[in-house]
Amino acid sequence: MDSKRKGQTATATENSSNKKAKVDDIAKPELKEVVHAPLTNFPDSAPFFMKMINTKAMSIKTRDEIIFSCERTDNLTQVFKGLINHRFLSVPVFQQTDKKRWYGFVDLFDIVRYVTSHFGSEKMALEQDFWKLSEAEEKFKSLTVNDVIRGSSIKKEKKYCPITQQYTLYSAFEIFARDPNIHRIPILDNNSNRHLLSILTQSQLINFVYENLPLLGSKKDLLVKNMIGIQNQVITCKSSMLAIDAFKMMEENNINGIGVVNDAGQLVDTLSVRDLKGISADGALFWKLYKPVEEFLEFLKNDLTTLRPRNAMYVYENDTFETVLTKIYTNQIHRIFIVDSFDSKKPTGVISLSDLLLQLFP
């Protein structure tokens, strides 16, 4: 196993079938780049689109190399530890016969879900060192990455849309915006070798938009209430619900995060797949999963190495695209909830990274 960084799953709008239908032609693995004409209803946004068209997707990257990867036959425990040590949500998987040929991704959420479903609450809820438990369990010691891949929805539900190094940033933007089920795009050398060169994420494109905000023209003044494709059916959980059940709720609804509300229905926090990064070196997250969401989040907030907002982030329907973008960028979050008012804070909608990018492609 080599010494990187997907996180799978979805956002709170990933089950939006109408947006998925828009990209049946875009999201196929072997696609040829087609650049559509820039927007005409926001002509002062043309400079931003021209910059996307003239920028190669390969030029946007957070690292110069893939610093962590695995093969399908690698021991699951070692890959799990690697994800925790690097604080990554996912790791690229390569073919054993060609160690540069990309196969897919395996996510932290996949592993946690696999472990909790196969070992049961009787063992996992105990406050113990998970690694010692895994060493004592024969069936866990023999598990490989391939076992998790076969046991997860990686082939049926997860969607990857690899592009080659010649693609422009415009095409990457459109892929992310049109299909909410895609959260990262592998950049390959070509469609024959399929050697992984880099990985492009939604967050990287959000950063690009923020850094080029002045080029958006009047588009940055678009009101939340006028945004297209926003999911108004908000999925939430009570702060008293067990964290493990809240994560199961995400899986059942094919989403990546949910709002946390109190008994009065007020938005008090959020819970997302990214919070699984809070697994400590002793694997203590597992027993924490069997605590109420409120306690689980308190564990994370008390961990100085965990970067997350202390409170729920939200916007109002009369806020602008710029306000939403700024809050998402500065707080490094993947979704932000829309609330009805400051006093009641009842969630009425949610804006994911995909939703935000979609506003650039009406």
Protein backbone atom coordinates (compact mmCIF):
# COMPACT_ATOMS: atom_id res chain seq x y z
CA MET A 1 0.00 0.00 0.00
CA ASP A 2 1.38 3.37 -0.93
CA SER A 3 1.62 6.30 1.31
CA LYS A 4 -4.01 10.40 -0.48
CA ARG A 5 -7.08 11.72 -0.18
CA LYS A 6 -13.29 11.14 -2.06
CA GLY A 7 -15.46 10.80 0.40
CA GLN A 8 -18.41 9.32 -1.14
CA THR A 9 -21.86 9.56 -0.50
CA ALA A 10 -23.96 12.48 -1.16
CA THR A 11 -25.18 15.85 -0.28
CA ALA A 12 -28.56 16.75 1.07
CA THR A 13 -29.82 17.11 -2.48
CA GLU A 14 -28.21 14.11 -4.06
CA ASN A 15 -31.51 12.32 -4.40
CA SER A 16 -32.75 15.02 -6.76
CA SER A 17 -33.64 12.98 -9.82
CA ASN A 18 -34.41 15.99 -11.98
CA LYS A 19 -30.82 17.23 -11.77
CA LYS A 20 -29.50 13.72 -12.37
CA ALA A 21 -31.52 13.48 -15.56
CA LYS A 22 -29.78 16.55 -16.94
CA VAL A 23 -26.47 14.81 -17.13
CA ASP A 24 -27.05 11.32 -18.43
CA ASP A 25 -24.90 12.26 -21.41
CA ILE A 26 -22.22 13.99 -19.36
CA ALA A 27 -21.62 11.43 -16.63
CA LYS A 28 -20.54 8.50 -18.76
CA PRO A 29 -16.99 7.30 -18.04
CA GLU A 30 -15.65 7.57 -21.58
CA LEU A 31 -16.78 10.98 -22.72
CA LYS A 32 -15.45 13.52 -25.14
CA GLU A 33 -15.27 17.11 -24.08
CA VAL A 34 -18.06 19.31 -25.36
CA VAL A 35 -17.93 22.95 -24.33
CA HIS A 36 -21.30 24.68 -24.51
CA ALA A 37 -21.77 28.38 -25.05
CA PRO A 38 -21.51 30.57 -21.91
CA LEU A 39 -24.61 32.03 -20.32
CA THR A 40 -26.46 34.74 -22.16
CA ASN A 41 -28.92 35.85 -19.45
CA PHE A 42 -25.98 37.07 -17.32
CA PRO A 43 -23.72 38.58 -20.01
CA ASP A 44 -21.51 40.31 -17.42
CA SER A 45 -20.50 36.81 -16.21
CA ALA A 46 -18.79 36.08 -19.53
CA PRO A 47 -15.26 36.78 -18.19
CA PHE A 48 -15.68 34.05 -15.58
CA PHE A 49 -16.78 31.51 -18.18
CA MET A 50 -13.98 32.44 -20.53
CA LYS A 51 -11.50 31.91 -17.72
CA MET A 52 -12.95 28.43 -17.10
CA ILE A 53 -12.78 27.58 -20.78
CA ASN A 54 -9.16 28.71 -20.98
CA THR A 55 -8.05 26.89 -17.82
CA LYS A 56 -7.08 23.22 -17.84
CA ALA A 57 -8.64 21.09 -15.09
CA MET A 58 -5.17 19.71 -14.34
CA SER A 59 -4.03 23.18 -13.26
CA ILE A 60 -6.34 23.06 -10.22
CA LYS A 61 -4.86 20.72 -7.69
CA THR A 62 -4.11 20.70 -3.99
CA ARG A 63 -1.09 18.41 -4.13
CA ASP A 64 1.63 17.56 -6.58
CA GLU A 65 1.12 13.85 -6.16
CA ILE A 66 -1.17 11.16 -4.87
CA ILE A 67 0.19 10.75 -1.35
CA PHE A 68 -2.01 7.86 -0.25
CA SER A 69 -3.47 5.05 -2.32
CA CYS A 70 -4.28 1.37 -2.07
CA GLU A 71 -4.92 -1.76 -4.09
CA ARG A 72 -8.00 -3.96 -4.02
CA THR A 73 -6.14 -6.71 -2.20
CA ASP A 74 -4.69 -4.50 0.55
CA ASN A 75 -5.54 -5.28 4.17
CA LEU A 76 -8.57 -3.27 5.24
CA THR A 77 -7.20 -2.41 8.68
CA GLN A 78 -4.08 -0.82 7.21
CA VAL A 79 -6.08 1.21 4.69
CA PHE A 80 -8.44 2.26 7.47
CA LYS A 81 -5.52 3.44 9.59
CA GLY A 82 -4.09 5.31 6.60
CA LEU A 83 -7.32 7.24 6.08
CA ILE A 84 -7.41 8.17 9.76
CA ASN A 85 -3.77 9.21 9.92
CA HIS A 86 -4.10 11.38 6.81
CA ARG A 87 -7.58 12.57 7.86
CA PHE A 88 -8.93 11.73 4.41
CA LEU A 89 -12.47 10.73 3.53
CA SER A 90 -11.46 8.45 0.69
CA VAL A 91 -8.56 6.79 -1.02
CA PRO A 92 -8.04 5.94 -4.71
CA VAL A 93 -7.92 2.23 -5.50
CA PHE A 94 -5.57 0.91 -8.17
CA GLN A 95 -5.46 -2.35 -10.09
CA GLN A 96 -3.01 -4.88 -8.70
CA THR A 97 -1.66 -5.73 -12.14
CA ASP A 98 -1.02 -2.08 -13.02
CA LYS A 99 -0.29 0.00 -9.95
CA LYS A 100 -1.00 3.25 -11.80
CA ARG A 101 -4.27 2.14 -13.38
CA TRP A 102 -7.19 3.71 -11.49
CA TYR A 103 -10.05 1.43 -10.47
CA GLY A 104 -12.23 3.54 -8.17
CA PHE A 105 -12.38 4.90 -4.63
CA VAL A 106 -13.07 3.41 -1.24
CA ASP A 107 -14.46 5.75 1.40
CA LEU A 108 -14.20 6.09 5.13
CA PHE A 109 -18.00 5.91 5.23
CA ASP A 110 -17.89 2.58 3.35
CA ILE A 111 -15.51 1.11 5.91
CA VAL A 112 -17.36 2.41 8.97
CA ARG A 113 -20.66 1.15 7.56
CA TYR A 114 -19.14 -2.24 6.79
CA VAL A 115 -17.60 -2.61 10.25
CA THR A 116 -20.70 -1.56 12.19
CA SER A 117 -22.98 -3.81 10.14
CA HIS A 118 -20.73 -6.88 10.43
CA PHE A 119 -19.65 -6.60 14.06
CA GLY A 120 -22.86 -5.38 15.69
CA SER A 121 -23.59 -2.93 18.49
CA GLU A 122 -22.70 -5.33 21.32
CA LYS A 123 -19.01 -5.08 20.49
CA MET A 124 -18.83 -1.73 18.75
CA ALA A 125 -20.61 0.23 21.53
CA LEU A 126 -18.03 -0.78 24.13
CA GLU A 127 -15.49 1.90 25.07
CA GLN A 128 -12.43 0.03 23.91
CA ASP A 129 -9.47 0.32 21.56
CA PHE A 130 -10.85 -0.65 18.17
CA TRP A 131 -7.50 -1.77 16.82
CA LYS A 132 -7.10 -4.30 19.63
CA LEU A 133 -10.59 -5.55 18.88
CA SER A 134 -9.79 -5.89 15.18
CA GLU A 135 -6.64 -7.88 15.98
CA ALA A 136 -8.66 -10.25 18.15
CA GLU A 137 -11.31 -10.84 15.50
CA GLU A 138 -10.09 -13.37 12.93
CA LYS A 139 -12.72 -12.42 10.37
CA PHE A 140 -11.62 -8.79 10.50
CA LYS A 141 -7.91 -9.50 10.16
CA SER A 142 -8.50 -11.21 6.80
CA LEU A 143 -10.64 -8.45 5.28
CA THR A 144 -9.40 -6.59 2.20
CA VAL A 145 -10.42 -3.45 0.35
CA ASN A 146 -12.18 -5.66 -2.16
CA ASP A 147 -14.51 -7.00 0.55
CA VAL A 148 -15.74 -3.49 1.28
CA ILE A 149 -16.07 -2.66 -2.41
CA ARG A 150 -18.18 -5.78 -3.00
CA GLY A 151 -20.26 -5.12 0.09
CA SER A 152 -20.95 -1.47 -0.65
CA SER A 153 -22.92 0.43 -3.25
CA ILE A 154 -19.73 1.42 -5.05
CA LYS A 155 -20.74 -0.19 -8.34
CA LYS A 156 -24.49 0.39 -8.26
CA GLU A 157 -24.94 3.84 -6.77
CA LYS A 158 -21.60 5.59 -6.83
CA LYS A 159 -20.75 7.37 -9.98
CA TYR A 160 -17.38 8.52 -11.21
CA CYS A 161 -16.82 10.55 -14.31
CA PRO A 162 -13.12 10.48 -15.12
CA ILE A 163 -11.71 13.04 -17.50
CA THR A 164 -8.33 13.25 -19.18
CA GLN A 165 -5.63 15.85 -18.68
CA GLN A 166 -6.67 17.77 -21.80
CA TYR A 167 -10.07 18.71 -20.36
CA THR A 168 -10.89 22.30 -19.46
CA LEU A 169 -12.10 23.45 -16.07
CA TYR A 170 -15.41 24.38 -17.70
CA SER A 171 -16.23 20.73 -18.35
CA ALA A 172 -15.37 19.79 -14.77
CA PHE A 173 -17.66 22.54 -13.50
CA GLU A 174 -20.50 21.31 -15.65
CA ILE A 175 -20.08 17.68 -14.57
CA PHE A 176 -20.22 18.63 -10.89
CA ALA A 177 -23.10 21.05 -11.36
CA ARG A 178 -25.30 18.73 -13.40
CA ASP A 179 -24.86 15.55 -11.39
CA PRO A 180 -25.11 15.83 -7.58
CA ASN A 181 -23.90 12.23 -7.20
CA ILE A 182 -20.40 13.13 -8.35
CA HIS A 183 -18.15 14.60 -5.66
CA ARG A 184 -14.72 14.11 -7.16
CA ILE A 185 -13.40 13.70 -10.67
CA PRO A 186 -10.37 11.51 -11.40
CA ILE A 187 -8.05 13.08 -13.96
CA LEU A 188 -6.42 10.37 -16.08
CA ASP A 189 -3.57 10.48 -18.56
CA ASN A 190 -5.82 9.00 -21.25
CA ASN A 191 -8.75 6.61 -21.62
CA SER A 192 -6.53 3.68 -22.53
CA ASN A 193 -3.97 3.60 -19.75
CA ARG A 194 -6.28 5.17 -17.15
CA HIS A 195 -3.31 6.24 -15.05
CA LEU A 196 -4.46 8.59 -12.29
CA LEU A 197 -2.72 11.98 -12.44
CA SER A 198 -4.84 14.03 -10.07
CA ILE A 199 -8.22 14.28 -8.34
CA LEU A 200 -10.50 17.28 -8.67
CA THR A 201 -13.08 17.93 -5.93
CA GLN A 202 -16.16 20.10 -5.59
CA SER A 203 -14.46 22.09 -2.83
CA GLN A 204 -11.59 23.00 -5.14
CA LEU A 205 -14.03 24.44 -7.66
CA ILE A 206 -15.85 26.36 -4.93
CA ASN A 207 -12.47 27.86 -4.01
CA PHE A 208 -11.93 28.79 -7.67
CA VAL A 209 -15.32 30.54 -7.81
CA TYR A 210 -14.62 32.45 -4.59
CA GLU A 211 -11.20 33.57 -5.80
CA ASN A 212 -12.77 34.82 -9.06
CA LEU A 213 -15.93 36.29 -7.55
CA PRO A 214 -15.51 39.72 -9.21
CA LEU A 215 -15.75 38.02 -12.63
CA LEU A 216 -19.27 36.75 -11.90
CA GLY A 217 -20.85 40.14 -12.43
CA SER A 218 -24.51 40.35 -11.38
CA LYS A 219 -24.64 36.57 -10.93
CA LYS A 220 -23.17 37.03 -7.45
CA ASP A 221 -26.30 39.03 -6.50
CA LEU A 222 -28.67 36.14 -7.27
CA LEU A 223 -31.03 35.66 -4.31
CA VAL A 224 -31.37 32.31 -2.57
CA LYS A 225 -35.13 32.31 -3.18
CA ASN A 226 -34.48 32.59 -6.93
CA MET A 227 -31.92 29.78 -7.11
CA ILE A 228 -32.84 26.73 -9.19
CA GLY A 229 -32.77 23.09 -8.09
CA ILE A 230 -32.70 23.79 -4.34
CA GLN A 231 -34.08 20.95 -2.24
CA ASN A 232 -36.89 22.21 -0.03
CA GLN A 233 -37.58 18.88 1.63
CA VAL A 234 -34.97 19.04 4.38
CA ILE A 235 -33.88 15.86 6.11
CA THR A 236 -33.08 16.39 9.78
CA CYS A 237 -32.50 14.37 12.91
CA LYS A 238 -33.13 15.12 16.56
CA SER A 239 -30.07 15.92 18.65
CA SER A 240 -31.12 13.06 20.94
CA MET A 241 -30.92 10.43 18.15
CA LEU A 242 -27.98 8.02 18.29
CA ALA A 243 -25.23 9.12 15.92
CA ILE A 244 -25.09 5.65 14.32
CA ASP A 245 -28.81 5.95 13.44
CA ALA A 246 -28.28 9.43 12.01
CA PHE A 247 -25.54 8.12 9.72
CA LYS A 248 -27.85 5.26 8.69
CA MET A 249 -30.44 7.89 7.82
CA MET A 250 -27.91 9.50 5.48
CA GLU A 251 -27.25 6.16 3.81
CA GLU A 252 -30.97 5.43 3.38
CA ASN A 253 -31.57 8.82 1.79
CA ASN A 254 -28.35 8.77 -0.26
CA ILE A 255 -27.15 12.04 1.21
CA ASN A 256 -23.93 13.26 2.78
CA GLY A 257 -25.23 15.42 5.59
CA ILE A 258 -28.30 16.29 7.62
CA GLY A 259 -29.47 19.11 9.86
CA VAL A 260 -29.65 18.56 13.59
CA VAL A 261 -32.68 20.07 15.33
CA ASN A 262 -33.84 20.36 18.92
CA ASP A 263 -37.28 19.41 20.23
CA ALA A 264 -38.66 22.73 19.00
CA GLY A 265 -37.48 22.02 15.45
CA GLN A 266 -34.77 24.69 15.53
CA LEU A 267 -31.59 24.08 13.58
CA VAL A 268 -28.86 23.70 16.20
CA ASP A 269 -26.10 21.90 14.28
CA THR A 270 -25.27 19.71 11.31
CA LEU A 271 -23.92 16.19 10.97
CA SER A 272 -22.10 14.99 7.89
CA VAL A 273 -19.92 12.19 6.58
CA ARG A 274 -16.97 14.53 7.04
CA ASP A 275 -17.46 14.21 10.80
CA LEU A 276 -16.18 10.65 10.50
CA LYS A 277 -12.74 12.20 10.17
CA GLY A 278 -12.96 12.54 13.93
CA ILE A 279 -11.89 8.93 14.36
CA SER A 280 -9.03 9.06 16.83
CA ALA A 281 -5.84 7.07 16.64
CA ASP A 282 -7.35 4.39 18.89
CA GLY A 283 -10.42 4.06 16.69
CA ALA A 284 -12.57 5.40 19.53
CA LEU A 285 -15.10 6.84 17.13
CA PHE A 286 -16.91 3.53 17.01
CA TRP A 287 -18.19 3.62 20.55
CA LYS A 288 -18.89 7.35 20.14
CA LEU A 289 -21.25 6.47 17.29
CA TYR A 290 -23.52 4.82 19.84
CA LYS A 291 -23.93 8.10 21.74
CA PRO A 292 -26.61 10.75 20.99
CA VAL A 293 -25.75 13.09 18.12
CA GLU A 294 -25.38 15.97 20.56
CA GLU A 295 -22.72 14.09 22.54
CA PHE A 296 -21.01 12.79 19.39
CA LEU A 297 -20.63 16.33 18.05
CA GLU A 298 -19.39 17.56 21.40
CA PHE A 299 -16.59 14.99 21.22
CA LEU A 300 -15.57 16.47 17.85
CA LYS A 301 -15.77 20.08 19.01
CA ASN A 302 -13.51 19.30 21.96
CA ASP A 303 -10.94 17.77 19.61
CA LEU A 304 -8.63 20.63 18.63
CA THR A 305 -7.49 18.74 15.53
CA THR A 306 -11.03 18.62 14.11
CA LEU A 307 -11.90 21.61 11.96
CA ARG A 308 -15.64 22.26 11.92
CA PRO A 309 -17.95 25.18 12.80
CA ARG A 310 -18.98 25.30 16.46
CA ASN A 311 -22.59 26.03 15.49
CA ALA A 312 -24.95 25.46 12.59
CA MET A 313 -24.34 27.67 9.58
CA TYR A 314 -27.40 29.03 7.81
CA VAL A 315 -28.67 31.64 5.37
CA TYR A 316 -32.02 33.27 4.60
CA GLU A 317 -33.98 33.27 1.35
CA ASN A 318 -33.13 36.92 0.71
CA ASP A 319 -29.39 36.34 1.03
CA THR A 320 -27.29 36.42 -2.14
CA PHE A 321 -25.15 33.90 -4.00
CA GLU A 322 -22.11 35.82 -2.75
CA THR A 323 -23.23 35.47 0.89
CA VAL A 324 -23.80 31.73 0.52
CA LEU A 325 -20.49 31.22 -1.27
CA THR A 326 -18.58 33.25 1.32
CA LYS A 327 -20.04 31.30 4.26
CA ILE A 328 -19.33 27.96 2.61
CA TYR A 329 -15.79 28.99 1.66
CA THR A 330 -14.76 30.58 4.95
CA ASN A 331 -16.20 27.78 7.09
CA GLN A 332 -14.98 24.98 4.82
CA ILE A 333 -18.39 23.28 4.79
CA HIS A 334 -20.14 21.24 2.09
CA ARG A 335 -23.71 22.44 2.61
CA ILE A 336 -25.57 25.27 4.25
CA PHE A 337 -29.16 25.31 5.45
CA ILE A 338 -31.82 27.89 4.68
CA VAL A 339 -33.88 28.91 7.73
CA ASP A 340 -37.13 30.85 7.90
CA SER A 341 -36.04 33.45 10.47
CA PHE A 342 -33.44 34.24 13.11
CA ASP A 343 -35.84 33.54 15.96
CA SER A 344 -37.36 30.19 14.94
CA LYS A 345 -34.48 28.88 12.79
CA LYS A 346 -36.73 26.28 11.15
CA PRO A 347 -34.83 24.74 8.21
CA THR A 348 -36.72 25.28 4.95
CA GLY A 349 -34.05 24.22 2.46
CA VAL A 350 -30.45 23.23 1.99
CA ILE A 351 -27.80 24.31 -0.51
CA SER A 352 -25.04 21.83 -1.32
CA LEU A 353 -21.83 22.51 -3.24
CA SER A 354 -23.45 20.94 -6.29
CA ASP A 355 -26.46 23.26 -5.92
CA LEU A 356 -24.19 26.27 -5.74
CA LEU A 357 -22.27 25.25 -8.84
CA LEU A 358 -25.56 24.57 -10.64
CA GLN A 359 -26.47 28.25 -10.33
CA LEU A 360 -23.68 28.95 -12.84
CA PHE A 361 -25.40 26.72 -15.42
CA PRO A 362 -29.14 27.59 -15.53
